[in-house]
PDB file of all heavy atoms in Angstrom:
ATOM      1  N   PHE A   1     -12.003 -11.750  19.599  1.00  0.00           N
ATOM      2  CA  PHE A   1     -12.831 -10.632  19.203  1.00  0.00           C
ATOM      3  C   PHE A   1     -11.968  -9.338  19.144  1.00  0.00           C
ATOM      4  O   PHE A   1     -12.112  -8.475  18.233  1.00  0.00           O
ATOM      5  CB  PHE A   1     -13.979 -10.449  20.140  1.00  0.00           C
ATOM      6  CG  PHE A   1     -15.103 -11.451  19.905  1.00  0.00           C
ATOM      7  CD1 PHE A   1     -16.035 -11.630  20.888  1.00  0.00           C
ATOM      8  CD2 PHE A   1     -15.153 -12.210  18.771  1.00  0.00           C
ATOM      9  CE1 PHE A   1     -17.073 -12.537  20.686  1.00  0.00           C
ATOM     10  CE2 PHE A   1     -16.141 -13.145  18.581  1.00  0.00           C
ATOM     11  CZ  PHE A   1     -17.162 -13.308  19.559  1.00  0.00           C
ATOM     12  N   HIS A   2     -11.072  -9.189  20.123  1.00  0.00           N
ATOM     13  CA  HIS A   2     -10.201  -8.001  20.125  1.00  0.00           C
ATOM     14  C   HIS A   2      -9.301  -7.952  18.934  1.00  0.00           C
ATOM     15  O   HIS A   2      -9.061  -6.933  18.327  1.00  0.00           O
ATOM     16  CB  HIS A   2      -9.359  -7.913  21.436  1.00  0.00           C
ATOM     17  CG  HIS A   2     -10.089  -7.285  22.563  1.00  0.00           C
ATOM     18  ND1 HIS A   2     -10.340  -5.946  22.591  1.00  0.00           N
ATOM     19  CD2 HIS A   2     -10.512  -7.765  23.744  1.00  0.00           C
ATOM     20  CE1 HIS A   2     -11.011  -5.625  23.684  1.00  0.00           C
ATOM     21  NE2 HIS A   2     -11.059  -6.746  24.422  1.00  0.00           N
ATOM     22  N   ARG A   3      -8.736  -9.145  18.533  1.00  0.00           N
ATOM     23  CA  ARG A   3      -7.886  -9.182  17.361  1.00  0.00           C
ATOM     24  C   ARG A   3      -8.686  -8.852  16.114  1.00  0.00           C
ATOM     25  O   ARG A   3      -8.220  -8.087  15.237  1.00  0.00           O
ATOM     26  CB  ARG A   3      -7.264 -10.543  17.230  1.00  0.00           C
ATOM     27  CG  ARG A   3      -6.210 -10.785  18.247  1.00  0.00           C
ATOM     28  CD  ARG A   3      -5.599 -12.152  18.138  1.00  0.00           C
ATOM     29  NE  ARG A   3      -4.685 -12.436  19.204  1.00  0.00           N
ATOM     30  CZ  ARG A   3      -3.738 -13.300  19.166  1.00  0.00           C
ATOM     31  NH1 ARG A   3      -3.612 -14.066  18.085  1.00  0.00           N
ATOM     32  NH2 ARG A   3      -2.950 -13.469  20.179  1.00  0.00           N
ATOM     33  N   GLU A   4      -9.864  -9.408  16.023  1.00  0.00           N
ATOM     34  CA  GLU A   4     -10.732  -9.129  14.834  1.00  0.00           C
ATOM     35  C   GLU A   4     -11.103  -7.660  14.821  1.00  0.00           C
ATOM     36  O   GLU A   4     -11.129  -7.018  13.740  1.00  0.00           O
ATOM     37  CB  GLU A   4     -11.944 -10.009  14.847  1.00  0.00           C
ATOM     38  CG  GLU A   4     -12.759  -9.905  13.612  1.00  0.00           C
ATOM     39  CD  GLU A   4     -13.986 -10.813  13.572  1.00  0.00           C
ATOM     40  OE1 GLU A   4     -14.056 -11.715  14.430  1.00  0.00           O
ATOM     41  OE2 GLU A   4     -14.762 -10.694  12.640  1.00  0.00           O
ATOM     42  N   LEU A   5     -11.418  -7.100  15.984  1.00  0.00           N
ATOM     43  CA  LEU A   5     -11.798  -5.704  16.054  1.00  0.00           C
ATOM     44  C   LEU A   5     -10.637  -4.781  15.618  1.00  0.00           C
ATOM     45  O   LEU A   5     -10.884  -3.838  14.871  1.00  0.00           O
ATOM     46  CB  LEU A   5     -12.186  -5.388  17.518  1.00  0.00           C
ATOM     47  CG  LEU A   5     -12.755  -4.002  17.828  1.00  0.00           C
ATOM     48  CD1 LEU A   5     -14.018  -3.769  17.018  1.00  0.00           C
ATOM     49  CD2 LEU A   5     -12.994  -3.814  19.343  1.00  0.00           C
ATOM     50  N   THR A   6      -9.435  -5.097  16.058  1.00  0.00           N
ATOM     51  CA  THR A   6      -8.286  -4.329  15.586  1.00  0.00           C
ATOM     52  C   THR A   6      -8.119  -4.391  14.111  1.00  0.00           C
ATOM     53  O   THR A   6      -7.881  -3.390  13.457  1.00  0.00           O
ATOM     54  CB  THR A   6      -7.012  -4.827  16.282  1.00  0.00           C
ATOM     55  OG1 THR A   6      -7.196  -4.726  17.706  1.00  0.00           O
ATOM     56  CG2 THR A   6      -5.775  -4.074  15.877  1.00  0.00           C
ATOM     57  N   PHE A   7      -8.231  -5.568  13.567  1.00  0.00           N
ATOM     58  CA  PHE A   7      -8.153  -5.775  12.103  1.00  0.00           C
ATOM     59  C   PHE A   7      -9.189  -4.995  11.353  1.00  0.00           C
ATOM     60  O   PHE A   7      -8.891  -4.252  10.350  1.00  0.00           O
ATOM     61  CB  PHE A   7      -8.215  -7.225  11.753  1.00  0.00           C
ATOM     62  CG  PHE A   7      -8.357  -7.473  10.276  1.00  0.00           C
ATOM     63  CD1 PHE A   7      -7.209  -7.364   9.461  1.00  0.00           C
ATOM     64  CD2 PHE A   7      -9.587  -7.826   9.708  1.00  0.00           C
ATOM     65  CE1 PHE A   7      -7.327  -7.621   8.115  1.00  0.00           C
ATOM     66  CE2 PHE A   7      -9.637  -8.016   8.315  1.00  0.00           C
ATOM     67  CZ  PHE A   7      -8.545  -7.923   7.476  1.00  0.00           C
ATOM     68  N   LEU A   8     -10.471  -5.014  11.811  1.00  0.00           N
ATOM     69  CA  LEU A   8     -11.531  -4.295  11.133  1.00  0.00           C
ATOM     70  C   LEU A   8     -11.372  -2.791  11.220  1.00  0.00           C
ATOM     71  O   LEU A   8     -11.673  -2.095  10.255  1.00  0.00           O
ATOM     72  CB  LEU A   8     -12.871  -4.725  11.737  1.00  0.00           C
ATOM     73  CG  LEU A   8     -13.346  -6.126  11.394  1.00  0.00           C
ATOM     74  CD1 LEU A   8     -14.674  -6.429  12.146  1.00  0.00           C
ATOM     75  CD2 LEU A   8     -13.509  -6.346   9.928  1.00  0.00           C
ATOM     76  N   LYS A   9     -10.859  -2.332  12.327  1.00  0.00           N
ATOM     77  CA  LYS A   9     -10.623  -0.880  12.464  1.00  0.00           C
ATOM     78  C   LYS A   9      -9.532  -0.418  11.558  1.00  0.00           C
ATOM     79  O   LYS A   9      -9.679   0.655  10.903  1.00  0.00           O
ATOM     80  CB  LYS A   9     -10.250  -0.502  13.922  1.00  0.00           C
ATOM     81  CG  LYS A   9     -11.468  -0.549  14.840  1.00  0.00           C
ATOM     82  CD  LYS A   9     -11.055  -0.144  16.234  1.00  0.00           C
ATOM     83  CE  LYS A   9     -12.310  -0.085  17.135  1.00  0.00           C
ATOM     84  NZ  LYS A   9     -11.987   0.316  18.560  1.00  0.00           N
ATOM     85  N   ARG A  10      -8.483  -1.194  11.332  1.00  0.00           N
ATOM     86  CA  ARG A  10      -7.450  -0.798  10.377  1.00  0.00           C
ATOM     87  C   ARG A  10      -8.007  -0.858   8.966  1.00  0.00           C
ATOM     88  O   ARG A  10      -7.680   0.011   8.130  1.00  0.00           O
ATOM     89  CB  ARG A  10      -6.275  -1.767  10.496  1.00  0.00           C
ATOM     90  CG  ARG A  10      -5.476  -1.545  11.767  1.00  0.00           C
ATOM     91  CD  ARG A  10      -4.322  -2.510  11.848  1.00  0.00           C
ATOM     92  NE  ARG A  10      -3.598  -2.295  13.099  1.00  0.00           N
ATOM     93  CZ  ARG A  10      -2.745  -3.206  13.573  1.00  0.00           C
ATOM     94  NH1 ARG A  10      -2.492  -4.311  12.970  1.00  0.00           N
ATOM     95  NH2 ARG A  10      -2.122  -2.952  14.735  1.00  0.00           N
ATOM     96  N   LEU A  11      -8.804  -1.863   8.677  1.00  0.00           N
ATOM     97  CA  LEU A  11      -9.323  -1.989   7.324  1.00  0.00           C
ATOM     98  C   LEU A  11     -10.309  -0.825   7.042  1.00  0.00           C
ATOM     99  O   LEU A  11     -10.390  -0.359   5.936  1.00  0.00           O
ATOM    100  CB  LEU A  11     -10.084  -3.352   7.217  1.00  0.00           C
ATOM    101  CG  LEU A  11     -10.661  -3.710   5.868  1.00  0.00           C
ATOM    102  CD1 LEU A  11      -9.566  -3.852   4.861  1.00  0.00           C
ATOM    103  CD2 LEU A  11     -11.359  -5.074   5.982  1.00  0.00           C
ATOM    104  N   ARG A  12     -11.055  -0.441   8.073  1.00  0.00           N
ATOM    105  CA  ARG A  12     -12.030   0.686   7.918  1.00  0.00           C
ATOM    106  C   ARG A  12     -11.284   1.994   7.526  1.00  0.00           C
ATOM    107  O   ARG A  12     -11.750   2.751   6.696  1.00  0.00           O
ATOM    108  CB  ARG A  12     -12.802   0.873   9.193  1.00  0.00           C
ATOM    109  CG  ARG A  12     -13.764   2.040   9.148  1.00  0.00           C
ATOM    110  CD  ARG A  12     -14.538   2.233  10.423  1.00  0.00           C
ATOM    111  NE  ARG A  12     -13.576   2.494  11.520  1.00  0.00           N
ATOM    112  CZ  ARG A  12     -13.954   2.622  12.770  1.00  0.00           C
ATOM    113  NH1 ARG A  12     -15.177   2.476  13.129  1.00  0.00           N
ATOM    114  NH2 ARG A  12     -13.054   2.883  13.712  1.00  0.00           N
ATOM    115  N   VAL A  13     -10.092   2.227   8.141  1.00  0.00           N
ATOM    116  CA  VAL A  13      -9.349   3.415   7.828  1.00  0.00           C
ATOM    117  C   VAL A  13      -9.007   3.472   6.298  1.00  0.00           C
ATOM    118  O   VAL A  13      -9.201   4.497   5.690  1.00  0.00           O
ATOM    119  CB  VAL A  13      -8.067   3.528   8.628  1.00  0.00           C
ATOM    120  CG1 VAL A  13      -7.115   4.610   8.129  1.00  0.00           C
ATOM    121  CG2 VAL A  13      -8.383   3.754  10.110  1.00  0.00           C
ATOM    122  N   ARG A  14      -8.574   2.368   5.771  1.00  0.00           N
ATOM    123  CA  ARG A  14      -8.303   2.296   4.347  1.00  0.00           C
ATOM    124  C   ARG A  14      -9.521   2.356   3.489  1.00  0.00           C
ATOM    125  O   ARG A  14      -9.581   2.937   2.426  1.00  0.00           O
ATOM    126  CB  ARG A  14      -7.522   1.002   4.028  1.00  0.00           C
ATOM    127  CG  ARG A  14      -6.108   1.023   4.552  1.00  0.00           C
ATOM    128  CD  ARG A  14      -5.368  -0.177   4.056  1.00  0.00           C
ATOM    129  NE  ARG A  14      -4.019  -0.121   4.613  1.00  0.00           N
ATOM    130  CZ  ARG A  14      -3.052  -0.942   4.242  1.00  0.00           C
ATOM    131  NH1 ARG A  14      -3.322  -1.896   3.385  1.00  0.00           N
ATOM    132  NH2 ARG A  14      -1.851  -0.840   4.768  1.00  0.00           N
ATOM    133  N   ALA A  15     -10.618   1.734   4.010  1.00  0.00           N
ATOM    134  CA  ALA A  15     -11.830   1.683   3.201  1.00  0.00           C
ATOM    135  C   ALA A  15     -12.460   3.056   3.077  1.00  0.00           C
ATOM    136  O   ALA A  15     -13.072   3.379   2.059  1.00  0.00           O
ATOM    137  CB  ALA A  15     -12.804   0.704   3.857  1.00  0.00           C
ATOM    138  N   ARG A  16     -12.303   3.899   4.065  1.00  0.00           N
ATOM    139  CA  ARG A  16     -12.886   5.245   4.019  1.00  0.00           C
ATOM    140  C   ARG A  16     -12.336   6.049   2.845  1.00  0.00           C
ATOM    141  O   ARG A  16     -12.986   6.864   2.227  1.00  0.00           O
ATOM    142  CB  ARG A  16     -12.646   5.986   5.271  1.00  0.00           C
ATOM    143  CG  ARG A  16     -13.546   5.489   6.389  1.00  0.00           C
ATOM    144  CD  ARG A  16     -13.341   6.316   7.695  1.00  0.00           C
ATOM    145  NE  ARG A  16     -13.935   5.583   8.734  1.00  0.00           N
ATOM    146  CZ  ARG A  16     -14.891   6.081   9.534  1.00  0.00           C
ATOM    147  NH1 ARG A  16     -15.280   7.345   9.367  1.00  0.00           N
ATOM    148  NH2 ARG A  16     -15.460   5.374  10.458  1.00  0.00           N
ATOM    149  N   GLN A  17     -11.059   5.752   2.499  1.00  0.00           N
ATOM    150  CA  GLN A  17     -10.468   6.457   1.337  1.00  0.00           C
ATOM    151  C   GLN A  17     -10.915   5.876   0.016  1.00  0.00           C
ATOM    152  O   GLN A  17     -11.133   6.616  -0.922  1.00  0.00           O
ATOM    153  CB  GLN A  17      -8.919   6.394   1.493  1.00  0.00           C
ATOM    154  CG  GLN A  17      -8.397   7.065   2.694  1.00  0.00           C
ATOM    155  CD  GLN A  17      -6.916   6.731   2.922  1.00  0.00           C
ATOM    156  OE1 GLN A  17      -6.314   5.957   2.178  1.00  0.00           O
ATOM    157  NE2 GLN A  17      -6.355   7.344   3.950  1.00  0.00           N
ATOM    158  N   ASP A  18     -10.963   4.552  -0.054  1.00  0.00           N
ATOM    159  CA  ASP A  18     -11.196   3.885  -1.307  1.00  0.00           C
ATOM    160  C   ASP A  18     -12.637   3.553  -1.576  1.00  0.00           C
ATOM    161  O   ASP A  18     -13.097   3.571  -2.707  1.00  0.00           O
ATOM    162  CB  ASP A  18     -10.375   2.615  -1.399  1.00  0.00           C
ATOM    163  CG  ASP A  18      -8.878   2.837  -1.311  1.00  0.00           C
ATOM    164  OD1 ASP A  18      -8.449   3.993  -1.692  1.00  0.00           O
ATOM    165  OD2 ASP A  18      -8.113   1.933  -0.854  1.00  0.00           O
ATOM    166  N   CYS A  19     -13.400   3.161  -0.552  1.00  0.00           N
ATOM    167  CA  CYS A  19     -14.740   2.683  -0.710  1.00  0.00           C
ATOM    168  C   CYS A  19     -15.589   3.028   0.507  1.00  0.00           C
ATOM    169  O   CYS A  19     -15.782   2.244   1.411  1.00  0.00           O
ATOM    170  CB  CYS A  19     -14.775   1.189  -0.941  1.00  0.00           C
ATOM    171  SG  CYS A  19     -16.382   0.549  -1.350  1.00  0.00           S
ATOM    172  N   PRO A  20     -16.117   4.286   0.544  1.00  0.00           N
ATOM    173  CA  PRO A  20     -16.907   4.706   1.730  1.00  0.00           C
ATOM    174  C   PRO A  20     -18.050   3.827   2.109  1.00  0.00           C
ATOM    175  O   PRO A  20     -18.347   3.628   3.277  1.00  0.00           O
ATOM    176  CB  PRO A  20     -17.376   6.108   1.345  1.00  0.00           C
ATOM    177  CG  PRO A  20     -16.418   6.584   0.311  1.00  0.00           C
ATOM    178  CD  PRO A  20     -16.034   5.346  -0.435  1.00  0.00           C
ATOM    179  N   LEU A  21     -18.722   3.233   1.131  1.00  0.00           N
ATOM    180  CA  LEU A  21     -19.874   2.366   1.398  1.00  0.00           C
ATOM    181  C   LEU A  21     -19.392   1.143   2.206  1.00  0.00           C
ATOM    182  O   LEU A  21     -20.073   0.675   3.126  1.00  0.00           O
ATOM    183  CB  LEU A  21     -20.542   1.929   0.100  1.00  0.00           C
ATOM    184  CG  LEU A  21     -21.848   1.147   0.245  1.00  0.00           C
ATOM    185  CD1 LEU A  21     -22.849   1.951   1.114  1.00  0.00           C
ATOM    186  CD2 LEU A  21     -22.440   0.801  -1.068  1.00  0.00           C
ATOM    187  N   PHE A  22     -18.328   0.584   1.810  1.00  0.00           N
ATOM    188  CA  PHE A  22     -17.714  -0.592   2.536  1.00  0.00           C
ATOM    189  C   PHE A  22     -17.348  -0.178   3.966  1.00  0.00           C
ATOM    190  O   PHE A  22     -17.518  -0.987   4.903  1.00  0.00           O
ATOM    191  CB  PHE A  22     -16.506  -1.160   1.809  1.00  0.00           C
ATOM    192  CG  PHE A  22     -15.902  -2.333   2.428  1.00  0.00           C
ATOM    193  CD1 PHE A  22     -16.706  -3.522   2.638  1.00  0.00           C
ATOM    194  CD2 PHE A  22     -14.620  -2.379   2.798  1.00  0.00           C
ATOM    195  CE1 PHE A  22     -16.134  -4.621   3.263  1.00  0.00           C
ATOM    196  CE2 PHE A  22     -14.058  -3.518   3.425  1.00  0.00           C
ATOM    197  CZ  PHE A  22     -14.821  -4.616   3.626  1.00  0.00           C
ATOM    198  N   ALA A  23     -16.874   1.068   4.137  1.00  0.00           N
ATOM    199  CA  ALA A  23     -16.507   1.523   5.481  1.00  0.00           C
ATOM    200  C   ALA A  23     -17.779   1.564   6.389  1.00  0.00           C
ATOM    201  O   ALA A  23     -17.681   1.260   7.573  1.00  0.00           O
ATOM    202  CB  ALA A  23     -15.948   2.930   5.395  1.00  0.00           C
ATOM    203  N   VAL A  24     -18.913   1.891   5.797  1.00  0.00           N
ATOM    204  CA  VAL A  24     -20.174   1.875   6.590  1.00  0.00           C
ATOM    205  C   VAL A  24     -20.484   0.503   7.089  1.00  0.00           C
ATOM    206  O   VAL A  24     -20.851   0.283   8.259  1.00  0.00           O
ATOM    207  CB  VAL A  24     -21.320   2.496   5.798  1.00  0.00           C
ATOM    208  CG1 VAL A  24     -22.637   2.281   6.510  1.00  0.00           C
ATOM    209  CG2 VAL A  24     -21.091   3.968   5.527  1.00  0.00           C
ATOM    210  N   THR A  25     -20.339  -0.456   6.205  1.00  0.00           N
ATOM    211  CA  THR A  25     -20.524  -1.843   6.566  1.00  0.00           C
ATOM    212  C   THR A  25     -19.611  -2.331   7.655  1.00  0.00           C
ATOM    213  O   THR A  25     -19.953  -2.974   8.612  1.00  0.00           O
ATOM    214  CB  THR A  25     -20.356  -2.772   5.363  1.00  0.00           C
ATOM    215  OG1 THR A  25     -21.251  -2.388   4.380  1.00  0.00           O
ATOM    216  CG2 THR A  25     -20.613  -4.232   5.699  1.00  0.00           C
ATOM    217  N   LEU A  26     -18.325  -1.891   7.573  1.00  0.00           N
ATOM    218  CA  LEU A  26     -17.345  -2.173   8.589  1.00  0.00           C
ATOM    219  C   LEU A  26     -17.739  -1.551   9.938  1.00  0.00           C
ATOM    220  O   LEU A  26     -17.534  -2.157  10.999  1.00  0.00           O
ATOM    221  CB  LEU A  26     -15.948  -1.703   8.166  1.00  0.00           C
ATOM    222  CG  LEU A  26     -15.320  -2.534   7.067  1.00  0.00           C
ATOM    223  CD1 LEU A  26     -13.984  -1.909   6.625  1.00  0.00           C
ATOM    224  CD2 LEU A  26     -15.013  -3.962   7.598  1.00  0.00           C
ATOM    225  N   ASP A  27     -18.292  -0.347   9.893  1.00  0.00           N
ATOM    226  CA  ASP A  27     -18.725   0.328  11.109  1.00  0.00           C
ATOM    227  C   ASP A  27     -19.759  -0.548  11.838  1.00  0.00           C
ATOM    228  O   ASP A  27     -19.751  -0.684  13.081  1.00  0.00           O
ATOM    229  CB  ASP A  27     -19.305   1.700  10.818  1.00  0.00           C
ATOM    230  CG  ASP A  27     -18.242   2.744  10.527  1.00  0.00           C
ATOM    231  OD1 ASP A  27     -17.117   2.553  10.942  1.00  0.00           O
ATOM    232  OD2 ASP A  27     -18.614   3.748   9.841  1.00  0.00           O
ATOM    233  N   GLU A  28     -20.683  -1.093  11.039  1.00  0.00           N
ATOM    234  CA  GLU A  28     -21.711  -1.970  11.642  1.00  0.00           C
ATOM    235  C   GLU A  28     -21.099  -3.223  12.263  1.00  0.00           C
ATOM    236  O   GLU A  28     -21.468  -3.646  13.366  1.00  0.00           O
ATOM    237  CB  GLU A  28     -22.751  -2.372  10.581  1.00  0.00           C
ATOM    238  CG  GLU A  28     -23.566  -1.153  10.105  1.00  0.00           C
ATOM    239  CD  GLU A  28     -24.391  -1.498   8.895  1.00  0.00           C
ATOM    240  OE1 GLU A  28     -24.430  -2.662   8.465  1.00  0.00           O
ATOM    241  OE2 GLU A  28     -24.995  -0.551   8.358  1.00  0.00           O
ATOM    242  N   ASP A  29     -20.147  -3.839  11.555  1.00  0.00           N
ATOM    243  CA  ASP A  29     -19.483  -5.047  12.085  1.00  0.00           C
ATOM    244  C   ASP A  29     -18.716  -4.700  13.344  1.00  0.00           C
ATOM    245  O   ASP A  29     -18.712  -5.463  14.324  1.00  0.00           O
ATOM    246  CB  ASP A  29     -18.537  -5.610  11.061  1.00  0.00           C
ATOM    247  CG  ASP A  29     -19.291  -6.216   9.869  1.00  0.00           C
ATOM    248  OD1 ASP A  29     -20.507  -6.474   9.944  1.00  0.00           O
ATOM    249  OD2 ASP A  29     -18.647  -6.384   8.791  1.00  0.00           O
ATOM    250  N   ILE A  30     -18.031  -3.546  13.385  1.00  0.00           N
ATOM    251  CA  ILE A  30     -17.269  -3.159  14.539  1.00  0.00           C
ATOM    252  C   ILE A  30     -18.201  -2.923  15.706  1.00  0.00           C
ATOM    253  O   ILE A  30     -17.877  -3.355  16.825  1.00  0.00           O
ATOM    254  CB  ILE A  30     -16.444  -1.896  14.198  1.00  0.00           C
ATOM    255  CG1 ILE A  30     -15.311  -2.211  13.262  1.00  0.00           C
ATOM    256  CG2 ILE A  30     -15.967  -1.165  15.501  1.00  0.00           C
ATOM    257  CD1 ILE A  30     -14.565  -1.086  12.669  1.00  0.00           C
ATOM    258  N   HIS A  31     -19.333  -2.353  15.471  1.00  0.00           N
ATOM    259  CA  HIS A  31     -20.259  -2.097  16.579  1.00  0.00           C
ATOM    260  C   HIS A  31     -20.800  -3.413  17.106  1.00  0.00           C
ATOM    261  O   HIS A  31     -20.858  -3.554  18.369  1.00  0.00           O
ATOM    262  CB  HIS A  31     -21.441  -1.245  16.048  1.00  0.00           C
ATOM    263  CG  HIS A  31     -22.492  -0.982  17.078  1.00  0.00           C
ATOM    264  ND1 HIS A  31     -22.285  -0.150  18.091  1.00  0.00           N
ATOM    265  CD2 HIS A  31     -23.762  -1.489  17.205  1.00  0.00           C
ATOM    266  CE1 HIS A  31     -23.390  -0.157  18.873  1.00  0.00           C
ATOM    267  NE2 HIS A  31     -24.277  -0.949  18.348  1.00  0.00           N
ATOM    268  N   GLN A  32     -21.072  -4.398  16.242  1.00  0.00           N
ATOM    269  CA  GLN A  32     -21.510  -5.718  16.750  1.00  0.00           C
ATOM    270  C   GLN A  32     -20.467  -6.420  17.575  1.00  0.00           C
ATOM    271  O   GLN A  32     -20.711  -7.052  18.579  1.00  0.00           O
ATOM    272  CB  GLN A  32     -21.932  -6.601  15.608  1.00  0.00           C
ATOM    273  CG  GLN A  32     -23.191  -6.101  14.921  1.00  0.00           C
ATOM    274  CD  GLN A  32     -23.570  -6.972  13.726  1.00  0.00           C
ATOM    275  OE1 GLN A  32     -22.790  -7.833  13.281  1.00  0.00           O
ATOM    276  NE2 GLN A  32     -24.720  -6.692  13.147  1.00  0.00           N
ATOM    277  N   LEU A  33     -19.197  -6.312  17.126  1.00  0.00           N
ATOM    278  CA  LEU A  33     -18.085  -6.887  17.891  1.00  0.00           C
ATOM    279  C   LEU A  33     -17.892  -6.250  19.251  1.00  0.00           C
ATOM    280  O   LEU A  33     -17.666  -6.894  20.243  1.00  0.00           O
ATOM    281  CB  LEU A  33     -16.768  -6.779  17.115  1.00  0.00           C
ATOM    282  CG  LEU A  33     -16.391  -8.008  16.297  1.00  0.00           C
ATOM    283  CD1 LEU A  33     -15.102  -7.708  15.533  1.00  0.00           C
ATOM    284  CD2 LEU A  33     -16.237  -9.246  17.025  1.00  0.00           C
ATOM    285  N   GLU A  34     -18.059  -4.948  19.274  1.00  0.00           N
ATOM    286  CA  GLU A  34     -17.907  -4.235  20.554  1.00  0.00           C
ATOM    287  C   GLU A  34     -19.022  -4.670  21.529  1.00  0.00           C
ATOM    288  O   GLU A  34     -18.747  -4.810  22.723  1.00  0.00           O
ATOM    289  CB  GLU A  34     -17.933  -2.713  20.338  1.00  0.00           C
ATOM    290  CG  GLU A  34     -16.664  -2.184  19.679  1.00  0.00           C
ATOM    291  CD  GLU A  34     -16.755  -0.722  19.262  1.00  0.00           C
ATOM    292  OE1 GLU A  34     -17.862  -0.153  19.091  1.00  0.00           O
ATOM    293  OE2 GLU A  34     -15.688  -0.151  19.114  1.00  0.00           O
ATOM    294  N   LYS A  35     -20.219  -4.878  20.982  1.00  0.00           N
ATOM    295  CA  LYS A  35     -21.334  -5.326  21.838  1.00  0.00           C
ATOM    296  C   LYS A  35     -21.031  -6.731  22.352  1.00  0.00           C
ATOM    297  O   LYS A  35     -21.288  -7.047  23.537  1.00  0.00           O
ATOM    298  CB  LYS A  35     -22.649  -5.320  21.069  1.00  0.00           C
ATOM    299  CG  LYS A  35     -23.225  -3.942  20.908  1.00  0.00           C
ATOM    300  CD  LYS A  35     -24.483  -3.904  20.045  1.00  0.00           C
ATOM    301  CE  LYS A  35     -25.502  -4.916  20.391  1.00  0.00           C
ATOM    302  NZ  LYS A  35     -26.709  -4.851  19.553  1.00  0.00           N
ATOM    303  N   ALA A  36     -20.489  -7.591  21.531  1.00  0.00           N
ATOM    304  CA  ALA A  36     -20.118  -8.910  21.928  1.00  0.00           C
ATOM    305  C   ALA A  36     -19.090  -8.972  22.989  1.00  0.00           C
ATOM    306  O   ALA A  36     -19.148  -9.692  23.958  1.00  0.00           O
ATOM    307  CB  ALA A  36     -19.686  -9.787  20.716  1.00  0.00           C
ATOM    308  N   ILE A  37     -18.089  -8.095  22.868  1.00  0.00           N
ATOM    309  CA  ILE A  37     -17.027  -7.989  23.880  1.00  0.00           C
ATOM    310  C   ILE A  37     -17.634  -7.494  25.200  1.00  0.00           C
ATOM    311  O   ILE A  37     -17.261  -7.991  26.246  1.00  0.00           O
ATOM    312  CB  ILE A  37     -15.922  -7.053  23.399  1.00  0.00           C
ATOM    313  CG1 ILE A  37     -15.167  -7.750  22.252  1.00  0.00           C
ATOM    314  CG2 ILE A  37     -14.967  -6.699  24.526  1.00  0.00           C
ATOM    315  CD1 ILE A  37     -14.142  -6.849  21.511  1.00  0.00           C
ATOM    316  N   GLU A  38     -18.547  -6.559  25.119  1.00  0.00           N
ATOM    317  CA  GLU A  38     -19.192  -6.058  26.328  1.00  0.00           C
ATOM    318  C   GLU A  38     -19.987  -7.193  27.019  1.00  0.00           C
ATOM    319  O   GLU A  38     -19.939  -7.317  28.228  1.00  0.00           O
ATOM    320  CB  GLU A  38     -20.101  -4.895  26.031  1.00  0.00           C
ATOM    321  CG  GLU A  38     -20.828  -4.301  27.202  1.00  0.00           C
ATOM    322  CD  GLU A  38     -19.865  -3.692  28.224  1.00  0.00           C
ATOM    323  OE1 GLU A  38     -18.781  -3.203  27.838  1.00  0.00           O
ATOM    324  OE2 GLU A  38     -20.165  -3.721  29.448  1.00  0.00           O
ATOM    325  N   GLU A  39     -20.644  -7.994  26.253  1.00  0.00           N
ATOM    326  CA  GLU A  39     -21.434  -9.121  26.838  1.00  0.00           C
ATOM    327  C   GLU A  39     -20.477 -10.097  27.491  1.00  0.00           C
ATOM    328  O   GLU A  39     -20.821 -10.663  28.568  1.00  0.00           O
ATOM    329  CB  GLU A  39     -22.224  -9.820  25.726  1.00  0.00           C
ATOM    330  CG  GLU A  39     -23.410  -9.016  25.293  1.00  0.00           C
ATOM    331  CD  GLU A  39     -24.187  -9.695  24.136  1.00  0.00           C
ATOM    332  OE1 GLU A  39     -23.998 -10.899  23.941  1.00  0.00           O
ATOM    333  OE2 GLU A  39     -24.964  -9.007  23.471  1.00  0.00           O
ATOM    334  N   ILE A  40     -19.321 -10.376  26.893  1.00  0.00           N
ATOM    335  CA  ILE A  40     -18.328 -11.258  27.465  1.00  0.00           C
ATOM    336  C   ILE A  40     -17.824 -10.677  28.800  1.00  0.00           C
ATOM    337  O   ILE A  40     -17.712 -11.395  29.760  1.00  0.00           O
ATOM    338  CB  ILE A  40     -17.189 -11.504  26.514  1.00  0.00           C
ATOM    339  CG1 ILE A  40     -17.659 -12.453  25.374  1.00  0.00           C
ATOM    340  CG2 ILE A  40     -16.017 -12.197  27.232  1.00  0.00           C
ATOM    341  CD1 ILE A  40     -16.672 -12.549  24.268  1.00  0.00           C
ATOM    342  N   ASN A  41     -17.642  -9.381  28.821  1.00  0.00           N
ATOM    343  CA  ASN A  41     -17.190  -8.726  30.047  1.00  0.00           C
ATOM    344  C   ASN A  41     -18.259  -8.913  31.190  1.00  0.00           C
ATOM    345  O   ASN A  41     -17.893  -9.169  32.321  1.00  0.00           O
ATOM    346  CB  ASN A  41     -16.888  -7.251  29.832  1.00  0.00           C
ATOM    347  CG  ASN A  41     -15.614  -7.034  29.079  1.00  0.00           C
ATOM    348  OD1 ASN A  41     -14.718  -7.846  29.056  1.00  0.00           O
ATOM    349  ND2 ASN A  41     -15.537  -5.896  28.352  1.00  0.00           N
ATOM    350  N   VAL A  42     -19.498  -8.771  30.817  1.00  0.00           N
ATOM    351  CA  VAL A  42     -20.564  -8.892  31.781  1.00  0.00           C
ATOM    352  C   VAL A  42     -20.628 -10.356  32.297  1.00  0.00           C
ATOM    353  O   VAL A  42     -20.746 -10.580  33.507  1.00  0.00           O
ATOM    354  CB  VAL A  42     -21.949  -8.464  31.160  1.00  0.00           C
ATOM    355  CG1 VAL A  42     -23.106  -8.879  32.072  1.00  0.00           C
ATOM    356  CG2 VAL A  42     -21.951  -6.933  30.903  1.00  0.00           C
TER     357      VAL A  42
END
């Protein structure tokens, strides 16, 4: 999950410049991954 999260964050940086709508979708995916990581920590 951490590896995927890092990848999505890098992709989001590029997407904000080229396709802002896709960046919003990535934000949602990143939020879901962060929640999953938090659940694993718990």
